[in-house]
């Protein structure tokens, strides 16, 4: 069996086909994998564990069934769902991971991150990231009424779309110095992340060590899953038709 990695599903009521694609994926992989890691942005937005959106209830139920079947299920916050909390984890059986997290993956020292911290050239975004990851800021936001938080999430999505339209593509991609620093700080040989929506496998060297960076794809039109077992890895695209 393999260990699976996904990210950037951006589940939202406006995209029911992708939600169904994810539910089908969970059902097919349930009990068939070593572990499943979701490396951020499972949802397009998350206003707190009291989120009232009924469309997300089948997602929570499917995650719980997946974890109850005996497969470890890990979840990392992304830049869209940083308010996922302990209530969601209890309801779904997910284990929340810090960003970054270092694991031993079939004998390979591996660091897992969402990926937004690597986009260090985007100074405006990094300031935003520092603010929303602050526990005091999060407590203040979670203390607001649900409807107010929903409105803030809608405004944030609109502002993000408008802001990104005016940015150079290079600025929104990873900074290679940040990549190297993350690898060295975690003494890793493999880095897995999402966020940039630019799936691919990259190699580079640090002194005499060959380092691999695997970028997970998004789930806007198709699914993207990284399968890793002791024999190697495969970054696969899943059809979400029908």
Foldseek 3Di string as FASTA:
>chain_A
DWEKEFEAQQDDPVCVLSVVVVLVVLVVCQVPYQAYEYAENPHVADQAPVQPDPVCPSVLVSLQSSVVSPHAYEYEYYPHYLRDDDVSCVSRVYDYDYAWDWDQALNFTEIEHQAQVQLVLQPVVVVVVVQVNDPVNSVVSSPDDNVVSVVVSVVVVVVVVVVVVPDDLSSRHGDVVSVVVVCVVSVGQEYEHERSQPFDWDWDDDVPHIHIYGYFHHPPQWTWMWIQDNVGIDIDTHHSDD
